Protein backbone atom coordinates (compact mmCIF):
# COMPACT_ATOMS: atom_id res chain seq x y z
CA UNK A 1 14.23 8.17 -11.32
CA UNK A 2 16.81 9.25 -8.75
CA UNK A 3 15.65 6.60 -6.26
CA UNK A 4 14.25 3.11 -6.37
CA UNK A 5 10.52 3.35 -7.17
CA UNK A 6 9.53 1.48 -4.02
CA UNK A 7 11.46 3.78 -1.65
CA UNK A 8 9.83 6.57 0.36
CA UNK A 9 6.14 7.14 1.07
CA UNK A 10 3.99 5.27 -1.46
CA UNK A 11 0.28 5.81 -0.99
CA UNK A 12 -2.01 2.86 -1.57
CA UNK A 13 -4.80 4.96 -2.97
CA UNK A 14 -8.52 4.48 -2.56
CA UNK A 15 -10.74 4.18 -5.61
CA UNK A 16 -13.21 7.11 -5.78
CA UNK A 17 -16.69 5.78 -6.51
CA UNK A 18 -19.61 8.02 -7.32
CA UNK A 19 -22.95 7.49 -5.57
CA UNK A 20 -23.90 5.04 -8.33
CA UNK A 21 -20.61 3.18 -7.63
CA UNK A 22 -19.06 4.01 -11.00
CA UNK A 23 -15.44 5.22 -10.88
CA UNK A 24 -14.77 8.95 -10.98
CA UNK A 25 -11.56 9.03 -13.02
CA UNK A 26 -11.28 12.82 -12.83
CA UNK A 27 -11.24 12.65 -9.05
CA UNK A 28 -8.77 9.77 -9.21
CA UNK A 29 -6.28 11.77 -11.23
CA UNK A 30 -6.77 14.90 -9.15
CA UNK A 31 -6.03 12.87 -6.01
CA UNK A 32 -2.81 11.50 -7.49
CA UNK A 33 -1.64 15.02 -8.33
CA UNK A 34 -2.62 16.26 -4.86
CA UNK A 35 -0.67 13.50 -3.10
CA UNK A 36 2.37 14.22 -5.25
CA UNK A 37 2.06 17.92 -4.50
CA UNK A 38 2.06 17.14 -0.79
CA UNK A 39 5.38 15.32 -0.97
CA UNK A 40 4.40 11.67 -1.44
CA UNK A 41 6.96 9.69 -3.41
CA UNK A 42 4.77 7.12 -5.14
CA UNK A 43 1.28 5.83 -5.84
CA UNK A 44 0.00 2.26 -5.47
CA UNK A 45 -3.33 1.78 -7.28
CA UNK A 46 -5.38 -1.43 -7.23
CA UNK A 47 -4.29 -2.55 -3.80
CA UNK A 48 -6.59 -3.88 -1.09
CA UNK A 49 -7.42 -0.30 -0.12
CA UNK A 50 -8.36 0.33 -3.75
CA UNK A 51 -10.97 -2.46 -3.52
CA UNK A 52 -9.39 -4.24 -6.48
CA UNK A 53 -11.48 -7.35 -5.87
CA UNK A 54 -14.62 -5.40 -6.81
CA UNK A 55 -13.26 -3.96 -10.07
CA UNK A 56 -13.87 -5.25 -13.57
CA UNK A 57 -10.87 -6.08 -15.72
CA UNK A 58 -11.45 -2.95 -17.76
CA UNK A 59 -11.65 -0.78 -14.63
CA UNK A 60 -8.42 -2.19 -13.21
CA UNK A 61 -6.57 -1.50 -16.44
CA UNK A 62 -8.03 2.00 -16.81
CA UNK A 63 -7.06 2.90 -13.24
CA UNK A 64 -3.42 2.03 -13.87
CA UNK A 65 -3.35 4.02 -17.10
CA UNK A 66 -5.02 7.01 -15.44
CA UNK A 67 -2.62 7.00 -12.50
CA UNK A 68 0.44 6.80 -14.76
CA UNK A 69 -0.91 9.74 -16.77
CA UNK A 70 -1.54 11.81 -13.62
CA UNK A 71 1.67 11.07 -11.71
CA UNK A 72 4.25 13.87 -12.13
CA UNK A 73 7.79 13.07 -13.16
CA UNK A 74 9.72 11.56 -10.29
CA UNK A 75 6.62 10.08 -8.62
CA UNK A 76 6.58 6.31 -9.00
CA UNK A 77 3.58 4.15 -9.86
CA UNK A 78 3.54 0.63 -8.40
CA UNK A 79 0.20 -1.04 -9.15
CA UNK A 80 -1.12 -3.94 -7.15
CA UNK A 81 -1.40 -7.13 -9.19
CA UNK A 82 -3.12 -9.30 -6.60
CA UNK A 83 -4.77 -12.35 -8.14
CA UNK A 84 -5.82 -15.90 -7.42
CA UNK A 85 -3.32 -17.38 -9.87
CA UNK A 86 0.10 -16.46 -11.17
CA UNK A 87 -1.13 -16.38 -14.76
CA UNK A 88 -3.56 -13.63 -13.75
CA UNK A 89 -0.93 -11.75 -11.75
CA UNK A 90 1.41 -11.89 -14.72
CA UNK A 91 -1.28 -10.46 -17.00
CA UNK A 92 -1.79 -7.51 -14.64
CA UNK A 93 1.97 -7.01 -14.37
CA UNK A 94 2.26 -6.98 -18.16
CA UNK A 95 -0.55 -4.44 -18.36
CA UNK A 96 1.23 -2.28 -15.76
CA UNK A 97 4.46 -2.44 -17.74
CA UNK A 98 2.69 -1.49 -20.96
CA UNK A 99 1.06 1.47 -19.20
CA UNK A 100 4.43 2.77 -17.98
CA UNK A 101 4.42 1.70 -14.32
CA UNK A 102 7.77 1.44 -12.53
CA UNK A 103 7.22 -1.75 -10.49
CA UNK A 104 4.35 -3.88 -9.19
CA UNK A 105 3.16 -5.04 -5.78
CA UNK A 106 2.13 -8.67 -5.62
CA UNK A 107 0.33 -10.68 -3.00
CA UNK A 108 0.99 -14.41 -2.97
CA UNK A 109 -1.83 -16.64 -4.26
CA UNK A 110 -4.74 -15.27 -2.27
CA UNK A 111 -7.51 -17.82 -2.47
CA UNK A 112 -6.34 -20.45 0.00
CA UNK A 113 -3.33 -21.52 2.07
CA UNK A 114 -0.96 -22.13 -0.85
CA UNK A 115 2.18 -24.16 -0.20
CA UNK A 116 5.78 -23.09 -0.75
CA UNK A 117 6.11 -24.46 -4.34
CA UNK A 118 2.86 -22.73 -5.29
CA UNK A 119 4.01 -19.43 -3.82
CA UNK A 120 7.31 -19.64 -5.69
CA UNK A 121 5.53 -20.50 -8.95
CA UNK A 122 3.21 -17.54 -8.46
CA UNK A 123 6.07 -15.08 -8.10
CA UNK A 124 7.92 -16.67 -11.02
CA UNK A 125 4.91 -15.90 -13.19
CA UNK A 126 4.57 -12.29 -11.99
CA UNK A 127 8.31 -11.60 -12.27
CA UNK A 128 8.30 -12.91 -15.86
CA UNK A 129 6.50 -9.70 -16.90
CA UNK A 130 9.81 -7.89 -16.42
CA UNK A 131 8.99 -5.24 -13.80
CA UNK A 132 10.52 -5.25 -10.31
CA UNK A 133 8.20 -7.03 -7.88
CA UNK A 134 7.42 -5.89 -4.34
CA UNK A 135 6.02 -8.83 -2.41
CA UNK A 136 3.08 -8.06 -0.14
CA UNK A 137 2.95 -10.13 3.03
CA UNK A 138 -0.58 -10.00 4.44
CA UNK A 139 -1.16 -13.37 6.14
CA UNK A 140 -4.46 -12.19 7.61
CA UNK A 141 -6.15 -11.81 4.22
CA UNK A 142 -4.28 -14.32 2.06
CA UNK A 143 -3.81 -17.26 4.45
CA UNK A 144 -0.19 -17.32 3.22
CA UNK A 145 2.57 -16.01 5.47
CA UNK A 146 5.68 -14.89 3.62
CA UNK A 147 8.00 -15.74 6.49
CA UNK A 148 11.62 -14.49 6.37
CA UNK A 149 12.98 -17.77 5.06
CA UNK A 150 10.51 -17.87 2.19
CA UNK A 151 11.18 -14.22 1.35
CA UNK A 152 14.90 -14.99 1.26
CA UNK A 153 14.29 -17.82 -1.20
CA UNK A 154 12.19 -15.58 -3.45
CA UNK A 155 14.90 -12.92 -3.30
CA UNK A 156 17.68 -15.42 -4.02
CA UNK A 157 15.77 -16.50 -7.13
CA UNK A 158 15.62 -12.83 -8.28
CA UNK A 159 11.84 -12.84 -8.10
CA UNK A 160 11.33 -9.93 -5.69
CA UNK A 161 13.16 -6.71 -4.79
CA UNK A 162 11.27 -5.71 -1.65
CA UNK A 163 8.52 -6.74 0.73
CA UNK A 164 5.61 -4.80 2.12
CA UNK A 165 5.60 -6.27 5.62
CA UNK A 166 2.11 -6.33 7.11
CA UNK A 167 2.44 -9.08 9.70
CA UNK A 168 2.70 -6.51 12.50
CA UNK A 169 5.72 -8.33 13.95
CA UNK A 170 8.45 -5.69 13.86
CA UNK A 171 11.04 -8.31 14.83
CA UNK A 172 10.80 -9.79 11.36
CA UNK A 173 12.74 -6.91 9.84
CA UNK A 174 15.90 -8.18 11.54
CA UNK A 175 15.31 -11.78 10.43
CA UNK A 176 14.72 -10.65 6.86
CA UNK A 177 17.90 -8.58 6.83
CA UNK A 178 19.89 -11.50 8.23
CA UNK A 179 18.59 -13.99 5.66
CA UNK A 180 18.29 -11.64 2.66
CA UNK A 181 20.53 -8.61 3.27
CA UNK A 182 19.74 -7.01 -0.09
CA UNK A 183 15.95 -7.29 0.18
CA UNK A 184 14.31 -3.94 0.93
CA UNK A 185 11.77 -3.95 3.74
CA UNK A 186 8.83 -1.55 3.52
CA UNK A 187 6.48 -0.69 6.35
CA UNK A 188 3.20 -2.25 5.36
CA UNK A 189 0.92 -1.11 8.17
CA UNK A 190 0.55 2.50 9.24
CA UNK A 191 0.65 1.74 12.96
CA UNK A 192 4.16 0.22 12.90
CA UNK A 193 5.72 2.93 10.76
CA UNK A 194 8.03 4.39 13.40
CA UNK A 195 9.17 1.02 14.67
CA UNK A 196 10.10 -0.26 11.20
CA UNK A 197 11.58 2.88 9.64
CA UNK A 198 13.64 3.63 12.74
CA UNK A 199 15.09 0.12 12.30
CA UNK A 200 15.93 0.59 8.65
CA UNK A 201 12.82 0.10 6.51
CA UNK A 202 13.39 2.15 3.35
CA UNK A 203 9.79 2.73 2.37
CA UNK A 204 6.19 2.75 3.51
CA UNK A 205 3.20 1.59 1.46
CA UNK A 206 0.63 3.54 3.35
CA UNK A 207 -3.09 4.08 3.81
CA UNK A 208 -3.78 7.17 5.89
CA UNK A 209 -1.62 9.53 3.79
CA UNK A 210 -4.70 9.52 1.55
CA UNK A 211 -6.11 11.88 4.20
CA UNK A 212 -2.94 13.03 6.00
CA UNK A 213 -0.13 13.34 3.43
CA UNK A 214 1.75 16.28 4.93
CA UNK A 215 1.89 14.88 8.45
CA UNK A 216 2.71 11.42 7.14
CA UNK A 217 5.59 12.49 4.90
CA UNK A 218 7.00 14.62 7.72
CA UNK A 219 6.77 11.68 10.10
CA UNK A 220 8.45 9.32 7.64
CA UNK A 221 11.34 11.74 7.09
CA UNK A 222 11.81 12.26 10.84
CA UNK A 223 11.89 8.51 11.37
CA UNK A 224 14.31 8.02 8.49
CA UNK A 225 16.57 10.68 10.03
CA UNK A 226 16.40 8.94 13.41
CA UNK A 227 14.93 12.05 15.05
CA UNK A 228 12.90 10.32 17.74
CA UNK A 229 12.43 13.50 19.82
CA UNK A 230 10.41 15.10 17.01
CA UNK A 231 8.93 11.95 15.50
CA UNK A 232 7.41 10.46 18.64
CA UNK A 233 5.00 13.32 19.52
CA UNK A 234 3.70 13.38 15.94
CA UNK A 235 3.39 9.59 15.86
CA UNK A 236 1.48 9.69 19.14
CA UNK A 237 -0.96 12.25 17.73
CA UNK A 238 -1.75 10.27 14.57
CA UNK A 239 -1.44 6.73 15.89
CA UNK A 240 -5.08 6.24 16.89
CA UNK A 241 -6.08 7.07 13.31
CA UNK A 242 -3.29 4.95 11.85
CA UNK A 243 -4.48 1.91 13.81
CA UNK A 244 -7.59 1.73 11.63
CA UNK A 245 -5.30 0.74 8.74
CA UNK A 246 -4.86 -2.66 10.39
CA UNK A 247 -8.54 -3.42 10.94
CA UNK A 248 -11.06 -5.15 8.65
CA UNK A 249 -12.95 -1.87 8.12
CA UNK A 250 -9.80 -0.05 7.01
CA UNK A 251 -11.25 0.95 3.64
CA UNK A 252 -14.34 2.57 5.13
CA UNK A 253 -12.27 4.18 7.90
CA UNK A 254 -9.73 5.71 5.52
CA UNK A 255 -12.42 6.95 3.14
CA UNK A 256 -14.20 8.56 6.09
CA UNK A 257 -10.88 10.06 7.18
CA UNK A 258 -10.51 11.58 3.72
CA UNK A 259 -13.99 13.10 3.93
CA UNK A 260 -13.16 14.57 7.33
CA UNK A 261 -9.92 16.02 5.96
CA UNK A 262 -11.79 17.82 3.18
CA UNK A 263 -10.95 15.30 0.49
CA UNK A 264 -13.33 12.94 -1.33
CA UNK A 265 -13.50 9.49 0.18
CA UNK A 266 -16.94 8.51 -0.95
CA UNK A 267 -18.71 5.16 -0.76
CA UNK A 268 -17.34 1.63 -1.00
CA UNK A 269 -18.55 -1.12 -3.27
CA UNK A 270 -20.22 -4.19 -1.77
CA UNK A 271 -19.67 -6.20 0.24
CA UNK A 272 -18.39 -3.21 2.27
CA UNK A 273 -21.17 -1.15 3.84
CA UNK A 274 -21.03 2.20 5.66
CA UNK A 275 -19.55 2.09 9.15
CA UNK A 276 -21.90 1.65 12.11
CA UNK A 277 -22.55 4.92 13.90
CA UNK A 278 -20.39 4.09 16.93
CA UNK A 279 -17.43 3.06 14.77
CA UNK A 280 -17.77 6.15 12.57
CA UNK A 281 -17.82 8.31 15.70
CA UNK A 282 -14.56 6.79 16.91
CA UNK A 283 -12.89 7.23 13.52
CA UNK A 284 -14.04 10.84 13.56
CA UNK A 285 -12.59 11.45 17.02
CA UNK A 286 -9.29 9.81 16.06
CA UNK A 287 -9.07 11.85 12.85
CA UNK A 288 -9.76 15.13 14.66
CA UNK A 289 -6.78 14.42 16.89
CA UNK A 290 -4.62 13.58 13.89
CA UNK A 291 -5.69 16.66 11.96
CA UNK A 292 -4.60 18.80 14.89
CA UNK A 293 -1.07 17.38 14.78
């Protein structure tokens, strides 16, 4: 590839479930091709947005294989390998490598508030599979905060190459760059994209490009070019929709956004249920504004 696989707009894809909650692999592969055709640089299957916690082992493996098969040349595949233990994360990273993925995205241990030695051991296990590892800092879901100092230690040990930063604190980018100058920072939440990319983030692992790829890629490129005059009006138009990416109902909201954009979002697996009517109405209003951008 002509660029690092974790650079650019990488879409954390949803998993398309049929009404009976089985996976529609044809739709999955069509969606990957559609995102690539609309300028997205990479695909991240089996992330939180992909509802990986609800998948069987066979389904997780088949999704990675299907995405690698569907991704055109030059479009990277960076599967999520989130797991309770490092031995499980390593197994998923090995499966990703065998399938032909370019890197993996790894949460820290995600079952409880793991301590520093446990976090390091977890990433040692995942990195042992041999693929580059993008750390995923989501302290809201994992109870583990990959603070800049801890990220620097992981980077110094050659365990990670980048971090998907989802804390929402845009000041952290500067701390990370001070402590680990070679560690790539990726925007991890849609609603801080402009703030992070304008300050030097080299990628974006994103949710709403599932529904809004053209606008999202354009916005990313404007931010990367430092063109605030053109980026800010577009960011303003899509920001209300993007904010749903940082809320507990983000999976339902993004799948509804896809439906509204003429794509297939479809249902979620339990425990997620359809959005309440008032929430769905607000997502719909926010998406209509974004679709007009």
